[in-house]
Amino acid sequence: ATCNEFHEIRERPGDFRMNDTEVLKEILPTKLRLNYPLRTGEEPDPPNVDIPQGWQKQMDVNHIDIKFPSEHTINGTRYL
């Protein structure tokens, strides 16, 4: 297939920092998650991305998942 995209995904950090109280930090069984508040007006901005090929708007990031490889094995198999 031919890729017709004309630029890479461009991310913007937004106005929240990881240590802000509005950013919910979760420890889940298979990942760490940062939940950002949903946009309710013009400001503050959550992190967002500009998707290529004419979506023509910044898309807000609701959460970020941080995954790590498993530290354990079952019968010699490591599950990611």
N, C-alpha and C. Protein backbone atom coordinates (compact mmCIF):
# COMPACT_ATOMS: atom_id res chain seq x y z
N ALA A 1 0.85 -1.19 0.00
CA ALA A 1 0.00 0.00 0.00
C ALA A 1 0.88 1.24 0.00
N THR A 2 0.39 2.28 -0.60
CA THR A 2 1.11 3.55 -0.68
C THR A 2 0.73 4.43 0.50
N CYS A 3 1.71 4.99 1.17
CA CYS A 3 1.47 5.93 2.27
C CYS A 3 1.43 7.33 1.70
N ASN A 4 0.29 8.00 1.85
CA ASN A 4 0.14 9.35 1.32
C ASN A 4 0.21 10.43 2.40
N GLU A 5 0.65 10.06 3.58
CA GLU A 5 0.74 11.04 4.66
C GLU A 5 1.78 12.10 4.31
N PHE A 6 1.49 13.34 4.70
CA PHE A 6 2.38 14.43 4.33
C PHE A 6 3.16 14.99 5.50
N HIS A 7 2.96 14.49 6.70
CA HIS A 7 3.82 14.86 7.83
C HIS A 7 3.65 13.83 8.94
N GLU A 8 4.59 13.86 9.86
CA GLU A 8 4.55 12.95 11.00
C GLU A 8 3.51 13.42 12.00
N ILE A 9 3.17 12.55 12.95
CA ILE A 9 2.29 12.97 14.04
C ILE A 9 3.06 13.96 14.90
N ARG A 10 2.48 15.11 15.13
CA ARG A 10 3.14 16.17 15.92
C ARG A 10 2.43 16.31 17.26
N GLU A 11 3.18 16.05 18.32
CA GLU A 11 2.59 16.11 19.65
C GLU A 11 2.87 17.45 20.32
N ARG A 12 1.96 17.84 21.20
CA ARG A 12 2.13 19.05 22.00
C ARG A 12 1.89 18.68 23.46
N PRO A 13 2.73 19.16 24.36
CA PRO A 13 2.66 18.69 25.74
C PRO A 13 1.45 19.18 26.53
N GLY A 14 0.82 20.27 26.14
CA GLY A 14 -0.30 20.80 26.90
C GLY A 14 0.15 21.56 28.13
N ASP A 15 -0.80 21.90 28.99
CA ASP A 15 -0.53 22.75 30.14
C ASP A 15 -0.32 21.98 31.45
N PHE A 16 -0.63 20.68 31.46
CA PHE A 16 -0.50 19.90 32.68
C PHE A 16 0.88 19.27 32.79
N ARG A 17 1.37 19.14 34.00
CA ARG A 17 2.62 18.45 34.27
C ARG A 17 2.29 17.18 35.05
N MET A 18 3.17 16.21 34.99
CA MET A 18 2.90 14.92 35.61
C MET A 18 2.63 15.05 37.11
N ASN A 19 3.23 16.00 37.78
CA ASN A 19 3.04 16.13 39.23
C ASN A 19 1.85 17.02 39.60
N ASP A 20 1.08 17.51 38.63
CA ASP A 20 -0.13 18.30 38.92
C ASP A 20 -1.18 17.41 39.57
N THR A 21 -1.92 17.96 40.53
CA THR A 21 -2.94 17.18 41.22
C THR A 21 -4.09 16.77 40.30
N GLU A 22 -4.31 17.50 39.20
CA GLU A 22 -5.39 17.16 38.27
C GLU A 22 -5.09 15.91 37.44
N VAL A 23 -3.81 15.53 37.36
CA VAL A 23 -3.40 14.35 36.60
C VAL A 23 -3.46 13.14 37.54
N LEU A 24 -4.39 12.22 37.25
CA LEU A 24 -4.56 11.03 38.07
C LEU A 24 -3.54 9.98 37.69
N LYS A 25 -2.78 9.52 38.68
CA LYS A 25 -1.78 8.49 38.44
C LYS A 25 -2.34 7.17 38.93
N GLU A 26 -2.29 6.13 38.07
CA GLU A 26 -2.83 4.83 38.44
C GLU A 26 -1.78 3.75 38.25
N ILE A 27 -1.73 2.82 39.20
CA ILE A 27 -0.92 1.62 39.07
C ILE A 27 -1.89 0.49 38.77
N LEU A 28 -1.87 -0.01 37.55
CA LEU A 28 -2.77 -1.06 37.10
C LEU A 28 -2.00 -2.37 36.99
N PRO A 29 -2.68 -3.51 36.89
CA PRO A 29 -1.98 -4.80 36.86
C PRO A 29 -0.93 -4.94 35.75
N THR A 30 -1.14 -4.30 34.60
CA THR A 30 -0.22 -4.49 33.49
C THR A 30 0.43 -3.20 33.00
N LYS A 31 0.20 -2.08 33.68
CA LYS A 31 0.74 -0.81 33.20
C LYS A 31 0.61 0.28 34.26
N LEU A 32 1.32 1.36 34.03
CA LEU A 32 1.13 2.60 34.77
C LEU A 32 0.34 3.52 33.86
N ARG A 33 -0.62 4.29 34.40
CA ARG A 33 -1.44 5.15 33.56
C ARG A 33 -1.50 6.56 34.14
N LEU A 34 -1.38 7.55 33.26
CA LEU A 34 -1.61 8.95 33.59
C LEU A 34 -2.92 9.36 32.93
N ASN A 35 -3.90 9.77 33.73
CA ASN A 35 -5.19 10.24 33.21
C ASN A 35 -5.22 11.76 33.28
N TYR A 36 -5.48 12.38 32.13
CA TYR A 36 -5.55 13.83 32.06
C TYR A 36 -6.99 14.30 32.10
N PRO A 37 -7.26 15.46 32.70
CA PRO A 37 -8.62 15.99 32.71
C PRO A 37 -9.11 16.25 31.28
N LEU A 38 -10.41 16.05 31.06
CA LEU A 38 -10.98 16.35 29.75
C LEU A 38 -11.10 17.86 29.57
N ARG A 39 -10.98 18.30 28.34
CA ARG A 39 -11.07 19.72 28.02
C ARG A 39 -12.51 20.20 28.28
N THR A 40 -12.63 21.32 28.98
CA THR A 40 -13.95 21.89 29.26
C THR A 40 -14.10 23.29 28.68
N GLY A 41 -13.06 23.82 28.08
CA GLY A 41 -13.07 25.15 27.49
C GLY A 41 -11.78 25.35 26.71
N GLU A 42 -11.40 26.58 26.54
CA GLU A 42 -10.18 26.89 25.80
C GLU A 42 -8.92 26.55 26.59
N GLU A 43 -8.93 26.75 27.89
CA GLU A 43 -7.76 26.51 28.74
C GLU A 43 -8.20 25.79 29.99
N PRO A 44 -7.37 25.01 30.62
CA PRO A 44 -6.03 24.60 30.21
C PRO A 44 -6.10 23.50 29.15
N ASP A 45 -5.02 23.37 28.39
CA ASP A 45 -4.95 22.37 27.33
C ASP A 45 -4.40 21.05 27.86
N PRO A 46 -5.09 19.93 27.60
CA PRO A 46 -4.45 18.64 27.87
C PRO A 46 -3.41 18.37 26.78
N PRO A 47 -2.55 17.38 26.95
CA PRO A 47 -1.64 17.04 25.85
C PRO A 47 -2.47 16.73 24.60
N ASN A 48 -1.93 17.01 23.42
CA ASN A 48 -2.69 16.77 22.19
C ASN A 48 -1.75 16.48 21.05
N VAL A 49 -2.33 15.94 19.97
CA VAL A 49 -1.55 15.58 18.79
C VAL A 49 -2.23 16.09 17.53
N ASP A 50 -1.42 16.41 16.54
CA ASP A 50 -1.88 16.80 15.22
C ASP A 50 -1.70 15.58 14.32
N ILE A 51 -2.81 14.98 13.91
CA ILE A 51 -2.77 13.77 13.10
C ILE A 51 -2.65 14.17 11.62
N PRO A 52 -1.79 13.51 10.86
CA PRO A 52 -1.62 13.87 9.45
C PRO A 52 -2.84 13.52 8.59
N GLN A 53 -2.81 14.02 7.38
CA GLN A 53 -3.77 13.73 6.33
C GLN A 53 -5.15 14.30 6.58
N GLY A 54 -5.20 15.55 6.97
CA GLY A 54 -6.44 16.29 6.91
C GLY A 54 -7.44 16.10 8.02
N TRP A 55 -7.05 15.58 9.17
CA TRP A 55 -8.02 15.56 10.26
C TRP A 55 -8.30 16.98 10.72
N GLN A 56 -7.37 17.87 10.47
CA GLN A 56 -7.51 19.32 10.61
C GLN A 56 -7.85 19.81 12.00
N LYS A 57 -7.38 19.08 13.00
CA LYS A 57 -7.53 19.58 14.36
C LYS A 57 -6.58 18.84 15.28
N GLN A 58 -6.32 19.45 16.40
CA GLN A 58 -5.53 18.79 17.43
C GLN A 58 -6.47 17.84 18.18
N MET A 59 -6.02 16.63 18.41
CA MET A 59 -6.81 15.66 19.16
C MET A 59 -6.25 15.55 20.57
N ASP A 60 -7.12 15.72 21.57
CA ASP A 60 -6.69 15.67 22.97
C ASP A 60 -6.32 14.26 23.38
N VAL A 61 -5.32 14.16 24.25
CA VAL A 61 -4.92 12.88 24.83
C VAL A 61 -5.67 12.72 26.14
N ASN A 62 -6.40 11.61 26.29
CA ASN A 62 -7.14 11.35 27.53
C ASN A 62 -6.26 10.68 28.58
N HIS A 63 -5.41 9.77 28.12
CA HIS A 63 -4.51 9.08 29.04
C HIS A 63 -3.27 8.59 28.30
N ILE A 64 -2.25 8.32 29.08
CA ILE A 64 -1.01 7.74 28.57
C ILE A 64 -0.73 6.48 29.38
N ASP A 65 -0.51 5.37 28.69
CA ASP A 65 -0.16 4.12 29.35
C ASP A 65 1.34 3.87 29.20
N ILE A 66 1.96 3.47 30.28
CA ILE A 66 3.38 3.14 30.28
C ILE A 66 3.48 1.65 30.57
N LYS A 67 4.00 0.89 29.60
CA LYS A 67 4.08 -0.57 29.72
C LYS A 67 5.54 -0.99 29.87
N PHE A 68 5.75 -2.00 30.69
CA PHE A 68 7.06 -2.58 30.89
C PHE A 68 6.99 -4.06 30.56
N PRO A 69 8.07 -4.64 30.05
CA PRO A 69 8.07 -6.10 29.86
C PRO A 69 7.90 -6.81 31.20
N SER A 70 7.32 -7.97 31.15
CA SER A 70 7.12 -8.77 32.35
C SER A 70 8.46 -9.13 33.00
N GLU A 71 8.48 -9.18 34.31
CA GLU A 71 9.67 -9.61 35.03
C GLU A 71 9.61 -11.10 35.34
N HIS A 72 8.49 -11.75 35.02
CA HIS A 72 8.31 -13.15 35.36
C HIS A 72 8.08 -13.98 34.10
N THR A 73 8.32 -15.28 34.23
CA THR A 73 8.05 -16.19 33.13
C THR A 73 7.15 -17.32 33.61
N ILE A 74 6.40 -17.91 32.67
CA ILE A 74 5.60 -19.09 32.95
C ILE A 74 6.10 -20.18 32.02
N ASN A 75 6.63 -21.24 32.59
CA ASN A 75 7.22 -22.32 31.79
C ASN A 75 8.23 -21.79 30.77
N GLY A 76 9.02 -20.80 31.18
CA GLY A 76 10.07 -20.26 30.30
C GLY A 76 9.60 -19.22 29.32
N THR A 77 8.30 -18.90 29.29
CA THR A 77 7.78 -17.91 28.34
C THR A 77 7.58 -16.57 29.06
N ARG A 78 8.11 -15.52 28.45
CA ARG A 78 7.93 -14.16 28.98
C ARG A 78 6.79 -13.50 28.23
N TYR A 79 5.80 -12.98 28.94
CA TYR A 79 4.64 -12.34 28.33
C TYR A 79 4.80 -10.84 28.39
N LEU A 80 4.63 -10.17 27.25
CA LEU A 80 4.79 -8.72 27.17
C LEU A 80 3.46 -8.03 27.17
